[in-house]
PDB file of N, CA and C in Angstrom:
ATOM      1  N   MET A   1     147.152 125.206 113.530  1.00  0.00           N
ATOM      2  CA  MET A   1     146.527 123.944 113.831  1.00  0.00           C
ATOM      3  C   MET A   1     146.915 123.448 115.227  1.00  0.00           C
ATOM      4  N   ILE A   2     148.174 123.650 115.612  1.00  0.00           N
ATOM      5  CA  ILE A   2     148.629 123.226 116.940  1.00  0.00           C
ATOM      6  C   ILE A   2     147.875 124.000 118.015  1.00  0.00           C
ATOM      7  N   ARG A   3     147.655 125.280 117.762  1.00  0.00           N
ATOM      8  CA  ARG A   3     146.933 126.110 118.724  1.00  0.00           C
ATOM      9  C   ARG A   3     145.500 125.598 118.911  1.00  0.00           C
ATOM     10  N   ARG A   4     144.854 125.239 117.844  1.00  0.00           N
ATOM     11  CA  ARG A   4     143.481 124.735 117.935  1.00  0.00           C
ATOM     12  C   ARG A   4     143.424 123.395 118.668  1.00  0.00           C
ATOM     13  N   ILE A   5     144.392 122.514 118.410  1.00  0.00           N
ATOM     14  CA  ILE A   5     144.443 121.220 119.097  1.00  0.00           C
ATOM     15  C   ILE A   5     144.668 121.432 120.593  1.00  0.00           C
ATOM     16  N   ALA A   6     145.581 122.348 120.936  1.00  0.00           N
ATOM     17  CA  ALA A   6     145.829 122.642 122.354  1.00  0.00           C
ATOM     18  C   ALA A   6     144.587 123.234 123.008  1.00  0.00           C
ATOM     19  N   ALA A   7     143.865 124.090 122.292  1.00  0.00           N
ATOM     20  CA  ALA A   7     142.651 124.696 122.841  1.00  0.00           C
ATOM     21  C   ALA A   7     141.579 123.642 123.098  1.00  0.00           C
ATOM     22  N   ILE A   8     141.417 122.732 122.156  1.00  0.00           N
ATOM     23  CA  ILE A   8     140.414 121.671 122.329  1.00  0.00           C
ATOM     24  C   ILE A   8     140.826 120.734 123.459  1.00  0.00           C
ATOM     25  N   ALA A   9     142.113 120.412 123.533  1.00  0.00           N
ATOM     26  CA  ALA A   9     142.599 119.548 124.617  1.00  0.00           C
ATOM     27  C   ALA A   9     142.406 120.219 125.967  1.00  0.00           C
ATOM     28  N   LEU A  10     142.678 121.519 126.045  1.00  0.00           N
ATOM     29  CA  LEU A  10     142.464 122.271 127.292  1.00  0.00           C
ATOM     30  C   LEU A  10     140.996 122.247 127.675  1.00  0.00           C
ATOM     31  N   ALA A  11     140.130 122.494 126.716  1.00  0.00           N
ATOM     32  CA  ALA A  11     138.691 122.511 127.003  1.00  0.00           C
ATOM     33  C   ALA A  11     138.194 121.133 127.446  1.00  0.00           C
ATOM     34  N   LEU A  12     138.652 120.084 126.776  1.00  0.00           N
ATOM     35  CA  LEU A  12     138.201 118.738 127.138  1.00  0.00           C
ATOM     36  C   LEU A  12     138.697 118.318 128.518  1.00  0.00           C
ATOM     37  N   LEU A  13     139.966 118.581 128.808  1.00  0.00           N
ATOM     38  CA  LEU A  13     140.503 118.233 130.125  1.00  0.00           C
ATOM     39  C   LEU A  13     139.822 119.040 131.220  1.00  0.00           C
ATOM     40  N   ALA A  14     139.621 120.324 130.983  1.00  0.00           N
ATOM     41  CA  ALA A  14     138.951 121.166 131.976  1.00  0.00           C
ATOM     42  C   ALA A  14     137.505 120.727 132.169  1.00  0.00           C
ATOM     43  N   ALA A  15     136.828 120.334 131.096  1.00  0.00           N
ATOM     44  CA  ALA A  15     135.446 119.860 131.218  1.00  0.00           C
ATOM     45  C   ALA A  15     135.379 118.587 132.046  1.00  0.00           C
ATOM     46  N   TRP A  16     136.323 117.688 131.820  1.00  0.00           N
ATOM     47  CA  TRP A  16     136.361 116.443 132.601  1.00  0.00           C
ATOM     48  C   TRP A  16     136.608 116.730 134.081  1.00  0.00           C
ATOM     49  N   LEU A  17     137.559 117.641 134.367  1.00  0.00           N
ATOM     50  CA  LEU A  17     137.839 117.999 135.752  1.00  0.00           C
ATOM     51  C   LEU A  17     136.655 118.735 136.387  1.00  0.00           C
ATOM     52  N   PHE A  18     135.974 119.569 135.606  1.00  0.00           N
ATOM     53  CA  PHE A  18     134.783 120.256 136.104  1.00  0.00           C
ATOM     54  C   PHE A  18     133.707 119.233 136.465  1.00  0.00           C
ATOM     55  N   TRP A  19     133.518 118.241 135.600  1.00  0.00           N
ATOM     56  CA  TRP A  19     132.513 117.211 135.868  1.00  0.00           C
ATOM     57  C   TRP A  19     132.852 116.430 137.135  1.00  0.00           C
ATOM     58  N   GLN A  20     134.122 116.127 137.336  1.00  0.00           N
ATOM     59  CA  GLN A  20     134.509 115.426 138.553  1.00  0.00           C
ATOM     60  C   GLN A  20     134.152 116.246 139.789  1.00  0.00           C
ATOM     61  N   GLY A  21     134.431 117.525 139.765  1.00  0.00           N
ATOM     62  CA  GLY A  21     134.093 118.386 140.892  1.00  0.00           C
ATOM     63  C   GLY A  21     132.597 118.516 141.086  1.00  0.00           C
ATOM     64  N   LEU A  22     131.870 118.646 139.981  1.00  0.00           N
ATOM     65  CA  LEU A  22     130.415 118.781 140.065  1.00  0.00           C
ATOM     66  C   LEU A  22     129.770 117.498 140.564  1.00  0.00           C
ATOM     67  N   SER A  23     130.265 116.352 140.122  1.00  0.00           N
ATOM     68  CA  SER A  23     129.674 115.095 140.569  1.00  0.00           C
ATOM     69  C   SER A  23     129.891 114.886 142.062  1.00  0.00           C
ATOM     70  N   ALA A  24     131.021 115.327 142.585  1.00  0.00           N
ATOM     71  CA  ALA A  24     131.241 115.242 144.037  1.00  0.00           C
ATOM     72  C   ALA A  24     130.236 116.103 144.791  1.00  0.00           C
ATOM     73  N   VAL A  25     129.987 117.305 144.282  1.00  0.00           N
ATOM     74  CA  VAL A  25     129.001 118.190 144.917  1.00  0.00           C
ATOM     75  C   VAL A  25     127.613 117.566 144.841  1.00  0.00           C
ATOM     76  N   LEU A  26     127.275 116.970 143.707  1.00  0.00           N
ATOM     77  CA  LEU A  26     125.970 116.330 143.558  1.00  0.00           C
ATOM     78  C   LEU A  26     125.805 115.149 144.513  1.00  0.00           C
ATOM     79  N   ILE A  27     126.865 114.381 144.715  1.00  0.00           N
ATOM     80  CA  ILE A  27     126.797 113.262 145.660  1.00  0.00           C
ATOM     81  C   ILE A  27     126.570 113.769 147.072  1.00  0.00           C
ATOM     82  N   ILE A  28     127.271 114.811 147.456  1.00  0.00           N
ATOM     83  CA  ILE A  28     127.123 115.361 148.807  1.00  0.00           C
ATOM     84  C   ILE A  28     125.715 115.901 149.015  1.00  0.00           C
ATOM     85  N   THR A  29     125.183 116.617 148.026  1.00  0.00           N
ATOM     86  CA  THR A  29     123.834 117.167 148.185  1.00  0.00           C
ATOM     87  C   THR A  29     122.772 116.081 148.125  1.00  0.00           C
ATOM     88  N   SER A  30     123.032 114.995 147.385  1.00  0.00           N
ATOM     89  CA  SER A  30     122.043 113.917 147.330  1.00  0.00           C
ATOM     90  C   SER A  30     121.941 113.180 148.666  1.00  0.00           C
ATOM     91  N   ARG A  31     122.944 113.314 149.499  1.00  0.00           N
ATOM     92  CA  ARG A  31     122.924 112.682 150.817  1.00  0.00           C
ATOM     93  C   ARG A  31     122.297 113.577 151.874  1.00  0.00           C
ATOM     94  N   GLY A  32     121.752 114.701 151.441  1.00  0.00           N
ATOM     95  CA  GLY A  32     121.010 115.554 152.351  1.00  0.00           C
ATOM     96  C   GLY A  32     121.704 116.811 152.819  1.00  0.00           C
ATOM     97  N   SER A  33     122.946 117.019 152.430  1.00  0.00           N
ATOM     98  CA  SER A  33     123.640 118.239 152.837  1.00  0.00           C
ATOM     99  C   SER A  33     123.186 119.407 151.978  1.00  0.00           C
ATOM    100  N   PRO A  34     123.133 120.601 152.548  1.00  0.00           N
ATOM    101  CA  PRO A  34     122.782 121.768 151.734  1.00  0.00           C
ATOM    102  C   PRO A  34     123.905 122.112 150.755  1.00  0.00           C
ATOM    103  N   LEU A  35     123.555 122.834 149.707  1.00  0.00           N
ATOM    104  CA  LEU A  35     124.505 123.176 148.654  1.00  0.00           C
ATOM    105  C   LEU A  35     125.669 124.005 149.186  1.00  0.00           C
ATOM    106  N   ASP A  36     125.395 124.939 150.084  1.00  0.00           N
ATOM    107  CA  ASP A  36     126.490 125.764 150.598  1.00  0.00           C
ATOM    108  C   ASP A  36     127.494 124.935 151.393  1.00  0.00           C
ATOM    109  N   ASP A  37     127.040 123.900 152.094  1.00  0.00           N
ATOM    110  CA  ASP A  37     127.983 123.008 152.771  1.00  0.00           C
ATOM    111  C   ASP A  37     128.800 122.211 151.758  1.00  0.00           C
ATOM    112  N   ALA A  38     128.173 121.765 150.695  1.00  0.00           N
ATOM    113  CA  ALA A  38     128.880 120.986 149.681  1.00  0.00           C
ATOM    114  C   ALA A  38     129.946 121.825 148.986  1.00  0.00           C
ATOM    115  N   LEU A  39     129.695 123.105 148.804  1.00  0.00           N
ATOM    116  CA  LEU A  39     130.645 123.975 148.107  1.00  0.00           C
ATOM    117  C   LEU A  39     131.687 124.596 149.027  1.00  0.00           C
ATOM    118  N   LEU A  40     131.307 124.870 150.276  1.00  0.00           N
ATOM    119  CA  LEU A  40     132.162 125.686 151.132  1.00  0.00           C
ATOM    120  C   LEU A  40     132.721 124.975 152.355  1.00  0.00           C
ATOM    121  N   GLN A  41     132.446 123.699 152.547  1.00  0.00           N
ATOM    122  CA  GLN A  41     132.940 122.995 153.723  1.00  0.00           C
ATOM    123  C   GLN A  41     133.763 121.793 153.338  1.00  0.00           C
ATOM    124  N   PRO A  42     134.978 121.857 152.996  1.00  0.00           N
ATOM    125  CA  PRO A  42     135.840 123.007 152.793  1.00  0.00           C
ATOM    126  C   PRO A  42     135.604 123.639 151.419  1.00  0.00           C
ATOM    127  N   PRO A  43     136.146 124.827 151.183  1.00  0.00           N
ATOM    128  CA  PRO A  43     135.869 125.530 149.914  1.00  0.00           C
ATOM    129  C   PRO A  43     136.604 124.965 148.705  1.00  0.00           C
ATOM    130  N   THR A  44     137.194 123.805 148.826  1.00  0.00           N
ATOM    131  CA  THR A  44     137.919 123.229 147.693  1.00  0.00           C
ATOM    132  C   THR A  44     136.992 122.903 146.529  1.00  0.00           C
ATOM    133  N   SER A  45     135.758 122.513 146.812  1.00  0.00           N
ATOM    134  CA  SER A  45     134.824 122.197 145.723  1.00  0.00           C
ATOM    135  C   SER A  45     134.517 123.435 144.898  1.00  0.00           C
ATOM    136  N   LEU A  46     134.235 124.538 145.561  1.00  0.00           N
ATOM    137  CA  LEU A  46     133.949 125.786 144.851  1.00  0.00           C
ATOM    138  C   LEU A  46     135.171 126.237 144.062  1.00  0.00           C
ATOM    139  N   TRP A  47     136.345 126.166 144.687  1.00  0.00           N
ATOM    140  CA  TRP A  47     137.587 126.569 144.027  1.00  0.00           C
ATOM    141  C   TRP A  47     137.813 125.714 142.783  1.00  0.00           C
ATOM    142  N   ARG A  48     137.588 124.414 142.904  1.00  0.00           N
ATOM    143  CA  ARG A  48     137.783 123.507 141.769  1.00  0.00           C
ATOM    144  C   ARG A  48     136.818 123.833 140.632  1.00  0.00           C
ATOM    145  N   LEU A  49     135.556 124.097 140.959  1.00  0.00           N
ATOM    146  CA  LEU A  49     134.570 124.402 139.921  1.00  0.00           C
ATOM    147  C   LEU A  49     134.883 125.722 139.225  1.00  0.00           C
ATOM    148  N   VAL A  50     135.264 126.727 139.989  1.00  0.00           N
ATOM    149  CA  VAL A  50     135.576 128.034 139.393  1.00  0.00           C
ATOM    150  C   VAL A  50     136.820 127.942 138.511  1.00  0.00           C
ATOM    151  N   SER A  51     137.863 127.290 139.014  1.00  0.00           N
ATOM    152  CA  SER A  51     139.113 127.231 138.237  1.00  0.00           C
ATOM    153  C   SER A  51     138.948 126.405 136.970  1.00  0.00           C
ATOM    154  N   THR A  52     138.273 125.270 137.056  1.00  0.00           N
ATOM    155  CA  THR A  52     138.086 124.471 135.844  1.00  0.00           C
ATOM    156  C   THR A  52     137.088 125.126 134.898  1.00  0.00           C
ATOM    157  N   GLY A  53     136.134 125.863 135.444  1.00  0.00           N
ATOM    158  CA  GLY A  53     135.212 126.614 134.595  1.00  0.00           C
ATOM    159  C   GLY A  53     135.944 127.681 133.794  1.00  0.00           C
ATOM    160  N   LEU A  54     136.881 128.367 134.439  1.00  0.00           N
ATOM    161  CA  LEU A  54     137.689 129.361 133.725  1.00  0.00           C
ATOM    162  C   LEU A  54     138.568 128.705 132.664  1.00  0.00           C
ATOM    163  N   ALA A  55     139.184 127.576 133.007  1.00  0.00           N
ATOM    164  CA  ALA A  55     140.021 126.877 132.034  1.00  0.00           C
ATOM    165  C   ALA A  55     139.184 126.376 130.857  1.00  0.00           C
ATOM    166  N   LEU A  56     137.991 125.878 131.138  1.00  0.00           N
ATOM    167  CA  LEU A  56     137.091 125.422 130.082  1.00  0.00           C
ATOM    168  C   LEU A  56     136.685 126.578 129.175  1.00  0.00           C
ATOM    169  N   ALA A  57     136.303 127.686 129.779  1.00  0.00           N
ATOM    170  CA  ALA A  57     135.921 128.860 128.986  1.00  0.00           C
ATOM    171  C   ALA A  57     137.099 129.351 128.144  1.00  0.00           C
ATOM    172  N   GLY A  58     138.285 129.367 128.725  1.00  0.00           N
ATOM    173  CA  GLY A  58     139.466 129.782 127.977  1.00  0.00           C
ATOM    174  C   GLY A  58     139.765 128.872 126.809  1.00  0.00           C
ATOM    175  N   GLY A  59     139.641 127.569 127.027  1.00  0.00           N
ATOM    176  CA  GLY A  59     139.868 126.621 125.934  1.00  0.00           C
ATOM    177  C   GLY A  59     138.864 126.796 124.812  1.00  0.00           C
ATOM    178  N   LEU A  60     137.600 126.981 125.181  1.00  0.00           N
ATOM    179  CA  LEU A  60     136.568 127.176 124.152  1.00  0.00           C
ATOM    180  C   LEU A  60     136.770 128.477 123.393  1.00  0.00           C
ATOM    181  N   LEU A  61     137.110 129.543 124.120  1.00  0.00           N
ATOM    182  CA  LEU A  61     137.365 130.828 123.457  1.00  0.00           C
ATOM    183  C   LEU A  61     138.553 130.732 122.508  1.00  0.00           C
ATOM    184  N   ALA A  62     139.601 130.058 122.950  1.00  0.00           N
ATOM    185  CA  ALA A  62     140.784 129.912 122.089  1.00  0.00           C
ATOM    186  C   ALA A  62     140.474 129.037 120.877  1.00  0.00           C
ATOM    187  N   ALA A  63     139.655 128.008 121.059  1.00  0.00           N
ATOM    188  CA  ALA A  63     139.280 127.155 119.930  1.00  0.00           C
ATOM    189  C   ALA A  63     138.479 127.934 118.895  1.00  0.00           C
ATOM    190  N   LEU A  64     137.718 128.922 119.370  1.00  0.00           N
ATOM    191  CA  LEU A  64     136.948 129.771 118.473  1.00  0.00           C
ATOM    192  C   LEU A  64     137.755 130.967 117.981  1.00  0.00           C
ATOM    193  N   ASN A  65     139.050 131.027 118.370  1.00  0.00           N
ATOM    194  CA  ASN A  65     139.976 132.079 117.962  1.00  0.00           C
ATOM    195  C   ASN A  65     139.548 133.458 118.466  1.00  0.00           C
ATOM    196  N   VAL A  66     139.008 133.485 119.675  1.00  0.00           N
ATOM    197  CA  VAL A  66     138.615 134.740 120.315  1.00  0.00           C
ATOM    198  C   VAL A  66     139.759 135.206 121.207  1.00  0.00           C
ATOM    199  N   ARG A  67     140.032 136.493 121.144  1.00  0.00           N
ATOM    200  CA  ARG A  67     141.096 137.051 121.973  1.00  0.00           C
ATOM    201  C   ARG A  67     140.797 136.853 123.455  1.00  0.00           C
ATOM    202  N   GLY A  68     141.850 136.574 124.220  1.00  0.00           N
ATOM    203  CA  GLY A  68     141.721 136.418 125.663  1.00  0.00           C
ATOM    204  C   GLY A  68     141.489 134.991 126.108  1.00  0.00           C
ATOM    205  N   GLY A  69     141.297 134.083 125.179  1.00  0.00           N
ATOM    206  CA  GLY A  69     141.057 132.692 125.541  1.00  0.00           C
ATOM    207  C   GLY A  69     142.245 132.054 126.237  1.00  0.00           C
ATOM    208  N   GLY A  70     143.434 132.309 125.729  1.00  0.00           N
ATOM    209  CA  GLY A  70     144.635 131.745 126.337  1.00  0.00           C
ATOM    210  C   GLY A  70     144.879 132.263 127.735  1.00  0.00           C
ATOM    211  N   VAL A  71     144.664 133.561 127.925  1.00  0.00           N
ATOM    212  CA  VAL A  71     144.858 134.162 129.248  1.00  0.00           C
ATOM    213  C   VAL A  71     143.831 133.619 130.237  1.00  0.00           C
ATOM    214  N   THR A  72     142.582 133.532 129.811  1.00  0.00           N
ATOM    215  CA  THR A  72     141.529 132.996 130.674  1.00  0.00           C
ATOM    216  C   THR A  72     141.826 131.542 131.042  1.00  0.00           C
ATOM    217  N   GLY A  73     142.255 130.764 130.063  1.00  0.00           N
ATOM    218  CA  GLY A  73     142.615 129.381 130.327  1.00  0.00           C
ATOM    219  C   GLY A  73     143.787 129.265 131.285  1.00  0.00           C
ATOM    220  N   LEU A  74     144.767 130.146 131.128  1.00  0.00           N
ATOM    221  CA  LEU A  74     145.928 130.120 132.008  1.00  0.00           C
ATOM    222  C   LEU A  74     145.550 130.494 133.436  1.00  0.00           C
ATOM    223  N   ILE A  75     144.691 131.471 133.595  1.00  0.00           N
ATOM    224  CA  ILE A  75     144.249 131.857 134.945  1.00  0.00           C
ATOM    225  C   ILE A  75     143.556 130.678 135.625  1.00  0.00           C
ATOM    226  N   GLY A  76     142.654 130.021 134.905  1.00  0.00           N
ATOM    227  CA  GLY A  76     141.987 128.855 135.470  1.00  0.00           C
ATOM    228  C   GLY A  76     142.956 127.736 135.798  1.00  0.00           C
ATOM    229  N   ALA A  77     143.925 127.503 134.919  1.00  0.00           N
ATOM    230  CA  ALA A  77     144.911 126.442 135.136  1.00  0.00           C
ATOM    231  C   ALA A  77     145.777 126.733 136.353  1.00  0.00           C
ATOM    232  N   ILE A  78     146.203 127.979 136.496  1.00  0.00           N
ATOM    233  CA  ILE A  78     147.026 128.355 137.655  1.00  0.00           C
ATOM    234  C   ILE A  78     146.228 128.219 138.942  1.00  0.00           C
ATOM    235  N   LEU A  79     144.974 128.644 138.914  1.00  0.00           N
ATOM    236  CA  LEU A  79     144.135 128.493 140.109  1.00  0.00           C
ATOM    237  C   LEU A  79     143.945 127.026 140.472  1.00  0.00           C
ATOM    238  N   PHE A  80     143.775 126.173 139.459  1.00  0.00           N
ATOM    239  CA  PHE A  80     143.598 124.747 139.726  1.00  0.00           C
ATOM    240  C   PHE A  80     144.863 124.145 140.327  1.00  0.00           C
ATOM    241  N   ALA A  81     146.022 124.484 139.781  1.00  0.00           N
ATOM    242  CA  ALA A  81     147.281 123.978 140.329  1.00  0.00           C
ATOM    243  C   ALA A  81     147.536 124.545 141.724  1.00  0.00           C
ATOM    244  N   ALA A  82     147.146 125.806 141.938  1.00  0.00           N
ATOM    245  CA  ALA A  82     147.316 126.417 143.255  1.00  0.00           C
ATOM    246  C   ALA A  82     146.484 125.702 144.311  1.00  0.00           C
ATOM    247  N   LEU A  83     145.324 125.181 143.919  1.00  0.00           N
ATOM    248  CA  LEU A  83     144.505 124.409 144.845  1.00  0.00           C
ATOM    249  C   LEU A  83     145.289 123.211 145.365  1.00  0.00           C
ATOM    250  N   GLY A  84     145.946 122.492 144.476  1.00  0.00           N
ATOM    251  CA  GLY A  84     146.774 121.367 144.901  1.00  0.00           C
ATOM    252  C   GLY A  84     147.929 121.808 145.785  1.00  0.00           C
ATOM    253  N   GLY A  85     148.536 122.925 145.432  1.00  0.00           N
ATOM    254  CA  GLY A  85     149.634 123.451 146.244  1.00  0.00           C
ATOM    255  C   GLY A  85     149.189 123.845 147.640  1.00  0.00           C
ATOM    256  N   LEU A  86     148.040 124.472 147.734  1.00  0.00           N
ATOM    257  CA  LEU A  86     147.520 124.851 149.053  1.00  0.00           C
ATOM    258  C   LEU A  86     147.155 123.635 149.891  1.00  0.00           C
ATOM    259  N   MET A  87     146.564 122.636 149.244  1.00  0.00           N
ATOM    260  CA  MET A  87     146.218 121.413 149.973  1.00  0.00           C
ATOM    261  C   MET A  87     147.485 120.716 150.473  1.00  0.00           C
ATOM    262  N   ALA A  88     148.525 120.704 149.650  1.00  0.00           N
ATOM    263  CA  ALA A  88     149.792 120.102 150.066  1.00  0.00           C
ATOM    264  C   ALA A  88     150.411 120.903 151.205  1.00  0.00           C
ATOM    265  N   GLY A  89     150.352 122.222 151.104  1.00  0.00           N
ATOM    266  CA  GLY A  89     150.909 123.084 152.141  1.00  0.00           C
ATOM    267  C   GLY A  89     150.192 122.970 153.479  1.00  0.00           C
ATOM    268  N   MET A  90     148.926 122.595 153.425  1.00  0.00           N
ATOM    269  CA  MET A  90     148.157 122.440 154.664  1.00  0.00           C
ATOM    270  C   MET A  90     148.371 121.070 155.299  1.00  0.00           C
ATOM    271  N   GLY A  91     149.172 120.232 154.658  1.00  0.00           N
ATOM    272  CA  GLY A  91     149.497 118.940 155.236  1.00  0.00           C
ATOM    273  C   GLY A  91     148.520 117.834 154.893  1.00  0.00           C
ATOM    274  N   SER A  92     147.724 118.019 153.859  1.00  0.00           N
ATOM    275  CA  SER A  92     146.790 116.973 153.451  1.00  0.00           C
ATOM    276  C   SER A  92     147.552 115.780 152.885  1.00  0.00           C
ATOM    277  N   ASP A  93     146.908 114.635 152.906  1.00  0.00           N
ATOM    278  CA  ASP A  93     147.494 113.431 152.334  1.00  0.00           C
ATOM    279  C   ASP A  93     147.720 113.637 150.841  1.00  0.00           C
ATOM    280  N   SER A  94     148.799 113.073 150.336  1.00  0.00           N
ATOM    281  CA  SER A  94     149.150 113.291 148.929  1.00  0.00           C
ATOM    282  C   SER A  94     148.103 112.728 147.972  1.00  0.00           C
ATOM    283  N   SER A  95     147.320 111.757 148.402  1.00  0.00           N
ATOM    284  CA  SER A  95     146.276 111.224 147.526  1.00  0.00           C
ATOM    285  C   SER A  95     145.178 112.245 147.270  1.00  0.00           C
ATOM    286  N   LEU A  96     145.082 113.263 148.124  1.00  0.00           N
ATOM    287  CA  LEU A  96     144.059 114.292 147.958  1.00  0.00           C
ATOM    288  C   LEU A  96     144.494 115.415 147.014  1.00  0.00           C
ATOM    289  N   TRP A  97     145.784 115.703 146.944  1.00  0.00           N
ATOM    290  CA  TRP A  97     146.219 116.849 146.157  1.00  0.00           C
ATOM    291  C   TRP A  97     147.092 116.510 144.953  1.00  0.00           C
ATOM    292  N   MET A  98     147.546 115.282 144.829  1.00  0.00           N
ATOM    293  CA  MET A  98     148.452 114.942 143.727  1.00  0.00           C
ATOM    294  C   MET A  98     147.781 115.113 142.361  1.00  0.00           C
ATOM    295  N   ASP A  99     146.503 114.731 142.248  1.00  0.00           N
ATOM    296  CA  ASP A  99     145.800 114.888 140.970  1.00  0.00           C
ATOM    297  C   ASP A  99     145.723 116.353 140.556  1.00  0.00           C
ATOM    298  N   GLU A 100     145.454 117.239 141.528  1.00  0.00           N
ATOM    299  CA  GLU A 100     145.366 118.657 141.209  1.00  0.00           C
ATOM    300  C   GLU A 100     146.691 119.190 140.676  1.00  0.00           C
ATOM    301  N   LEU A 101     147.787 118.772 141.276  1.00  0.00           N
ATOM    302  CA  LEU A 101     149.081 119.257 140.797  1.00  0.00           C
ATOM    303  C   LEU A 101     149.432 118.696 139.422  1.00  0.00           C
ATOM    304  N   VAL A 102     149.171 117.425 139.216  1.00  0.00           N
ATOM    305  CA  VAL A 102     149.506 116.807 137.922  1.00  0.00           C
ATOM    306  C   VAL A 102     148.636 117.396 136.811  1.00  0.00           C
ATOM    307  N   PHE A 103     147.322 117.387 137.022  1.00  0.00           N
ATOM    308  CA  PHE A 103     146.432 117.915 135.982  1.00  0.00           C
ATOM    309  C   PHE A 103     146.551 119.432 135.857  1.00  0.00           C
ATOM    310  N   GLY A 104     146.826 120.119 136.964  1.00  0.00           N
ATOM    311  CA  GLY A 104     147.057 121.559 136.898  1.00  0.00           C
ATOM    312  C   GLY A 104     148.278 121.889 136.055  1.00  0.00           C
ATOM    313  N   SER A 105     149.337 121.097 136.203  1.00  0.00           N
ATOM    314  CA  SER A 105     150.541 121.301 135.387  1.00  0.00           C
ATOM    315  C   SER A 105     150.243 121.072 133.914  1.00  0.00           C
ATOM    316  N   LEU A 106     149.446 120.052 133.635  1.00  0.00           N
ATOM    317  CA  LEU A 106     149.068 119.782 132.247  1.00  0.00           C
ATOM    318  C   LEU A 106     148.208 120.917 131.685  1.00  0.00           C
ATOM    319  N   LEU A 107     147.278 121.420 132.480  1.00  0.00           N
ATOM    320  CA  LEU A 107     146.463 122.559 132.038  1.00  0.00           C
ATOM    321  C   LEU A 107     147.325 123.786 131.780  1.00  0.00           C
ATOM    322  N   ILE A 108     148.296 124.031 132.650  1.00  0.00           N
ATOM    323  CA  ILE A 108     149.193 125.174 132.468  1.00  0.00           C
ATOM    324  C   ILE A 108     150.001 125.014 131.181  1.00  0.00           C
ATOM    325  N   ALA A 109     150.496 123.809 130.927  1.00  0.00           N
ATOM    326  CA  ALA A 109     151.275 123.573 129.698  1.00  0.00           C
ATOM    327  C   ALA A 109     150.421 123.833 128.459  1.00  0.00           C
ATOM    328  N   LEU A 110     149.191 123.348 128.466  1.00  0.00           N
ATOM    329  CA  LEU A 110     148.306 123.577 127.311  1.00  0.00           C
ATOM    330  C   LEU A 110     147.988 125.064 127.147  1.00  0.00           C
ATOM    331  N   ALA A 111     147.756 125.755 128.252  1.00  0.00           N
ATOM    332  CA  ALA A 111     147.475 127.189 128.172  1.00  0.00           C
ATOM    333  C   ALA A 111     148.693 127.965 127.676  1.00  0.00           C
ATOM    334  N   CYS A 112     149.880 127.528 128.072  1.00  0.00           N
ATOM    335  CA  CYS A 112     151.091 128.187 127.578  1.00  0.00           C
ATOM    336  C   CYS A 112     151.272 127.970 126.080  1.00  0.00           C
ATOM    337  N   VAL A 113     150.888 126.808 125.583  1.00  0.00           N
ATOM    338  CA  VAL A 113     150.908 126.588 124.122  1.00  0.00           C
ATOM    339  C   VAL A 113     150.005 127.605 123.451  1.00  0.00           C
ATOM    340  N   LEU A 114     148.839 127.859 124.049  1.00  0.00           N
ATOM    341  CA  LEU A 114     147.913 128.843 123.471  1.00  0.00           C
ATOM    342  C   LEU A 114     148.520 130.243 123.480  1.00  0.00           C
ATOM    343  N   LEU A 115     149.222 130.565 124.559  1.00  0.00           N
ATOM    344  CA  LEU A 115     149.768 131.911 124.663  1.00  0.00           C
ATOM    345  C   LEU A 115     150.969 132.151 123.762  1.00  0.00           C
ATOM    346  N   PHE A 116     151.774 131.104 123.561  1.00  0.00           N
ATOM    347  CA  PHE A 116     153.047 131.311 122.877  1.00  0.00           C
ATOM    348  C   PHE A 116     153.096 130.792 121.459  1.00  0.00           C
ATOM    349  N   THR A 117     151.985 130.338 120.921  1.00  0.00           N
ATOM    350  CA  THR A 117     151.969 129.986 119.497  1.00  0.00           C
ATOM    351  C   THR A 117     151.220 131.072 118.736  1.00  0.00           C
ATOM    352  N   LYS A 118     151.653 131.264 117.533  1.00  0.00           N
ATOM    353  CA  LYS A 118     151.099 132.328 116.703  1.00  0.00           C
ATOM    354  C   LYS A 118     149.682 131.962 116.244  1.00  0.00           C
ATOM    355  N   ARG A 119     148.813 132.957 116.272  1.00  0.00           N
ATOM    356  CA  ARG A 119     147.458 132.752 115.769  1.00  0.00           C
ATOM    357  C   ARG A 119     147.493 132.565 114.268  1.00  0.00           C
ATOM    358  N   GLY A 120     146.642 131.653 113.820  1.00  0.00           N
ATOM    359  CA  GLY A 120     146.613 131.393 112.388  1.00  0.00           C
ATOM    360  C   GLY A 120     145.418 131.978 111.693  1.00  0.00           C
TER     361      GLY A 120
END
């Protein structure tokens, strides 16, 4: 039961973070910028969408008790946290990367629960 709760929590948090990234891209494109500029200038938007998409897929797979869900979720969580780490390393303001590190750590913790609890 704990594994299923962690999987659902991972999926919900990743979905919320994915929506935040997608809504930013939609705002940029609605102002007339092309999609490739919205995703790749800088590439943080694309990185955020891919990493949260992987975490979301991992959470859903784990909730359905499919093998590999925990690993997929962990890969997405690590990529999301790494985004915050890279932004911090590049000297960005802490208001830009603090959310990625905090939520990335939470995603990693939830994915680790999936990996280290016994399947029921």
